[in-house]
Amino acid sequence: MTTRNIVLPAAEAANDSAATDTANAAAVLYEKLADAMTPGYQAEFDPEEAEQAGAFVEDALSEQDAVESDIDLVDATAPAATTEAKG
């Protein structure tokens, strides 16, 4: 006895549609990533796109802590060289 797989036209169309949707989503994500590399441009990603792009929530340092930490840079920089006019 031979077993045959029967694919209904609607199921085949659904598979083609899913493949097309996946390809389109990948193309859109690629374009958004390219746009995000443009200085000053703010590309918007939905949560699924952000996850696919490798985004994560930064929880090591809060924004306020980062702002407050820039005072440390003042002590770390070398004093500017000054010259006095002789006259």
N, C-alpha and C. Protein backbone atom coordinates (compact mmCIF):
# COMPACT_ATOMS: atom_id res chain seq x y z
N MET A 1 0.84 -1.17 0.00
CA MET A 1 0.00 0.00 0.00
C MET A 1 0.89 1.24 0.00
N THR A 2 0.60 2.15 -0.86
CA THR A 2 1.37 3.38 -1.00
C THR A 2 0.64 4.52 -0.31
N THR A 3 1.42 5.32 0.44
CA THR A 3 0.85 6.48 1.11
C THR A 3 1.25 7.72 0.33
N ARG A 4 0.28 8.54 0.05
CA ARG A 4 0.57 9.79 -0.66
C ARG A 4 0.22 10.97 0.21
N ASN A 5 1.05 11.98 0.14
CA ASN A 5 0.74 13.23 0.83
C ASN A 5 -0.10 14.09 -0.10
N ILE A 6 -1.20 14.51 0.40
CA ILE A 6 -2.08 15.36 -0.38
C ILE A 6 -2.00 16.76 0.19
N VAL A 7 -1.61 17.69 -0.66
CA VAL A 7 -1.51 19.09 -0.24
C VAL A 7 -2.67 19.84 -0.85
N LEU A 8 -3.48 20.39 -0.02
CA LEU A 8 -4.61 21.16 -0.50
C LEU A 8 -4.13 22.52 -0.98
N PRO A 9 -4.73 23.05 -2.03
CA PRO A 9 -4.29 24.35 -2.56
C PRO A 9 -4.26 25.45 -1.51
N ALA A 10 -5.21 25.48 -0.61
CA ALA A 10 -5.23 26.53 0.41
C ALA A 10 -4.04 26.39 1.36
N ALA A 11 -3.69 25.15 1.71
CA ALA A 11 -2.55 24.92 2.60
C ALA A 11 -1.26 25.31 1.90
N GLU A 12 -1.16 24.99 0.62
CA GLU A 12 0.04 25.35 -0.13
C GLU A 12 0.18 26.87 -0.22
N ALA A 13 -0.91 27.54 -0.45
CA ALA A 13 -0.89 29.01 -0.52
C ALA A 13 -0.51 29.60 0.83
N ALA A 14 -0.97 28.99 1.91
CA ALA A 14 -0.63 29.49 3.25
C ALA A 14 0.86 29.34 3.51
N ASN A 15 1.46 28.23 3.07
CA ASN A 15 2.90 28.03 3.23
C ASN A 15 3.68 29.06 2.43
N ASP A 16 3.25 29.31 1.19
CA ASP A 16 3.91 30.32 0.36
C ASP A 16 3.78 31.70 0.99
N SER A 17 2.61 31.98 1.52
CA SER A 17 2.36 33.27 2.16
C SER A 17 3.24 33.45 3.39
N ALA A 18 3.40 32.39 4.18
CA ALA A 18 4.24 32.46 5.37
C ALA A 18 5.69 32.69 5.00
N ALA A 19 6.16 32.02 3.95
CA ALA A 19 7.53 32.21 3.50
C ALA A 19 7.75 33.62 2.99
N THR A 20 6.77 34.14 2.26
CA THR A 20 6.85 35.51 1.75
C THR A 20 6.84 36.51 2.90
N ASP A 21 5.99 36.28 3.90
CA ASP A 21 5.92 37.17 5.06
C ASP A 21 7.25 37.18 5.80
N THR A 22 7.86 36.01 5.97
CA THR A 22 9.15 35.92 6.66
C THR A 22 10.23 36.66 5.88
N ALA A 23 10.25 36.49 4.58
CA ALA A 23 11.23 37.17 3.74
C ALA A 23 11.03 38.68 3.78
N ASN A 24 9.77 39.12 3.74
CA ASN A 24 9.48 40.56 3.80
C ASN A 24 9.88 41.14 5.15
N ALA A 25 9.61 40.40 6.23
CA ALA A 25 9.98 40.88 7.57
C ALA A 25 11.49 41.00 7.70
N ALA A 26 12.22 40.06 7.14
CA ALA A 26 13.68 40.11 7.19
C ALA A 26 14.20 41.31 6.40
N ALA A 27 13.59 41.58 5.25
CA ALA A 27 14.01 42.72 4.43
C ALA A 27 13.73 44.04 5.14
N VAL A 28 12.57 44.14 5.79
CA VAL A 28 12.23 45.36 6.53
C VAL A 28 13.20 45.56 7.69
N LEU A 29 13.51 44.48 8.40
CA LEU A 29 14.45 44.58 9.52
C LEU A 29 15.81 45.03 9.03
N TYR A 30 16.27 44.49 7.92
CA TYR A 30 17.56 44.89 7.35
C TYR A 30 17.57 46.38 7.00
N GLU A 31 16.49 46.85 6.39
CA GLU A 31 16.40 48.28 6.04
C GLU A 31 16.40 49.16 7.29
N LYS A 32 15.69 48.73 8.33
CA LYS A 32 15.66 49.52 9.57
C LYS A 32 17.04 49.56 10.22
N LEU A 33 17.76 48.44 10.18
CA LEU A 33 19.11 48.42 10.75
C LEU A 33 20.03 49.35 9.96
N ALA A 34 19.89 49.37 8.65
CA ALA A 34 20.67 50.28 7.82
C ALA A 34 20.31 51.73 8.14
N ASP A 35 19.02 52.02 8.30
CA ASP A 35 18.58 53.37 8.66
C ASP A 35 19.10 53.78 10.03
N ALA A 36 19.17 52.84 10.95
CA ALA A 36 19.63 53.15 12.31
C ALA A 36 21.10 53.58 12.32
N MET A 37 21.84 53.23 11.29
CA MET A 37 23.25 53.62 11.21
C MET A 37 23.42 55.06 10.72
N THR A 38 22.34 55.69 10.30
CA THR A 38 22.38 57.07 9.83
C THR A 38 22.38 58.01 11.04
N PRO A 39 23.42 58.83 11.18
CA PRO A 39 23.48 59.74 12.33
C PRO A 39 22.25 60.64 12.40
N GLY A 40 21.65 60.70 13.57
CA GLY A 40 20.50 61.56 13.80
C GLY A 40 19.16 60.93 13.47
N TYR A 41 19.16 59.81 12.76
CA TYR A 41 17.91 59.15 12.39
C TYR A 41 17.51 58.19 13.50
N GLN A 42 16.26 58.25 13.91
CA GLN A 42 15.78 57.37 14.97
C GLN A 42 14.84 56.33 14.38
N ALA A 43 15.39 55.17 14.09
CA ALA A 43 14.59 54.07 13.54
C ALA A 43 13.77 53.45 14.66
N GLU A 44 12.53 53.13 14.37
CA GLU A 44 11.66 52.52 15.37
C GLU A 44 11.52 51.03 15.08
N PHE A 45 11.66 50.24 16.13
CA PHE A 45 11.54 48.79 16.02
C PHE A 45 10.43 48.32 16.95
N ASP A 46 9.62 47.37 16.47
CA ASP A 46 8.66 46.77 17.39
C ASP A 46 9.41 45.75 18.24
N PRO A 47 8.83 45.27 19.33
CA PRO A 47 9.56 44.38 20.24
C PRO A 47 10.14 43.14 19.56
N GLU A 48 9.41 42.55 18.62
CA GLU A 48 9.92 41.36 17.93
C GLU A 48 11.13 41.69 17.07
N GLU A 49 11.07 42.82 16.36
CA GLU A 49 12.21 43.25 15.53
C GLU A 49 13.42 43.56 16.40
N ALA A 50 13.19 44.21 17.52
CA ALA A 50 14.29 44.55 18.41
C ALA A 50 14.98 43.29 18.93
N GLU A 51 14.18 42.29 19.28
CA GLU A 51 14.77 41.03 19.76
C GLU A 51 15.58 40.36 18.66
N GLN A 52 15.04 40.35 17.43
CA GLN A 52 15.77 39.74 16.31
C GLN A 52 17.06 40.48 16.03
N ALA A 53 17.07 41.79 16.27
CA ALA A 53 18.26 42.60 16.02
C ALA A 53 19.28 42.48 17.16
N GLY A 54 18.90 41.82 18.25
CA GLY A 54 19.84 41.63 19.35
C GLY A 54 19.76 42.70 20.42
N ALA A 55 18.71 43.49 20.42
CA ALA A 55 18.57 44.54 21.42
C ALA A 55 18.28 43.93 22.79
N PHE A 56 18.66 44.64 23.81
CA PHE A 56 18.39 44.19 25.17
C PHE A 56 18.20 45.41 26.06
N VAL A 57 17.65 45.20 27.22
CA VAL A 57 17.45 46.28 28.17
C VAL A 57 18.75 46.47 28.96
N GLU A 58 19.28 47.66 28.93
CA GLU A 58 20.50 47.96 29.68
C GLU A 58 20.11 48.19 31.12
N ASP A 59 20.54 47.30 31.99
CA ASP A 59 20.19 47.45 33.40
C ASP A 59 21.43 47.53 34.29
N ALA A 60 22.60 47.62 33.68
CA ALA A 60 23.82 47.71 34.47
C ALA A 60 23.99 49.10 35.07
N LEU A 61 23.50 50.12 34.40
CA LEU A 61 23.68 51.49 34.85
C LEU A 61 22.45 52.29 34.43
N SER A 62 21.86 52.99 35.38
CA SER A 62 20.70 53.80 35.03
C SER A 62 21.15 55.05 34.29
N GLU A 63 20.23 55.69 33.62
CA GLU A 63 20.57 56.91 32.89
C GLU A 63 21.03 57.99 33.86
N GLN A 64 20.38 58.09 35.00
CA GLN A 64 20.76 59.08 36.01
C GLN A 64 22.18 58.80 36.53
N ASP A 65 22.50 57.53 36.80
CA ASP A 65 23.85 57.18 37.25
C ASP A 65 24.89 57.54 36.19
N ALA A 66 24.55 57.33 34.92
CA ALA A 66 25.47 57.66 33.84
C ALA A 66 25.72 59.17 33.79
N VAL A 67 24.67 59.95 33.95
CA VAL A 67 24.82 61.42 33.94
C VAL A 67 25.68 61.88 35.11
N GLU A 68 25.44 61.29 36.26
CA GLU A 68 26.20 61.69 37.45
C GLU A 68 27.66 61.24 37.38
N SER A 69 27.94 60.20 36.62
CA SER A 69 29.30 59.68 36.58
C SER A 69 30.23 60.52 35.71
N ASP A 70 29.69 61.43 34.90
CA ASP A 70 30.57 62.22 34.05
C ASP A 70 31.43 63.19 34.85
N ILE A 71 31.09 63.45 36.09
CA ILE A 71 31.93 64.31 36.93
C ILE A 71 33.29 63.67 37.17
N ASP A 72 33.33 62.33 37.13
CA ASP A 72 34.59 61.62 37.31
C ASP A 72 35.59 61.96 36.21
N LEU A 73 35.10 62.32 35.05
CA LEU A 73 35.99 62.62 33.93
C LEU A 73 36.78 63.90 34.16
N VAL A 74 36.25 64.81 34.93
CA VAL A 74 36.96 66.07 35.20
C VAL A 74 38.27 65.77 35.93
N ASP A 75 38.23 64.86 36.90
CA ASP A 75 39.44 64.51 37.65
C ASP A 75 40.41 63.68 36.82
N ALA A 76 39.93 62.98 35.82
CA ALA A 76 40.77 62.07 35.05
C ALA A 76 41.52 62.77 33.92
N THR A 77 41.08 63.94 33.54
CA THR A 77 41.73 64.62 32.42
C THR A 77 42.93 65.41 32.89
N ALA A 78 43.91 65.51 32.04
CA ALA A 78 45.13 66.26 32.36
C ALA A 78 44.81 67.75 32.23
N PRO A 79 45.42 68.56 33.08
CA PRO A 79 45.18 70.00 32.97
C PRO A 79 45.70 70.53 31.63
N ALA A 80 45.02 71.49 31.10
CA ALA A 80 45.42 72.07 29.82
C ALA A 80 46.70 72.86 30.01
N ALA A 81 47.56 72.77 29.03
CA ALA A 81 48.82 73.51 29.08
C ALA A 81 48.53 75.00 28.92
N THR A 82 49.16 75.80 29.73
CA THR A 82 48.98 77.24 29.61
C THR A 82 50.31 77.89 29.30
N THR A 83 50.25 78.92 28.57
CA THR A 83 51.47 79.66 28.26
C THR A 83 51.27 81.09 28.73
N GLU A 84 52.34 81.64 29.21
CA GLU A 84 52.29 83.03 29.65
C GLU A 84 53.11 83.87 28.70
N ALA A 85 52.58 85.01 28.39
CA ALA A 85 53.32 85.90 27.50
C ALA A 85 54.43 86.57 28.28
N LYS A 86 55.60 86.57 27.72
CA LYS A 86 56.73 87.24 28.36
C LYS A 86 56.84 88.62 27.75
N GLY A 87 56.98 89.53 28.59
CA GLY A 87 57.05 90.83 28.00
C GLY A 87 57.57 91.89 28.82
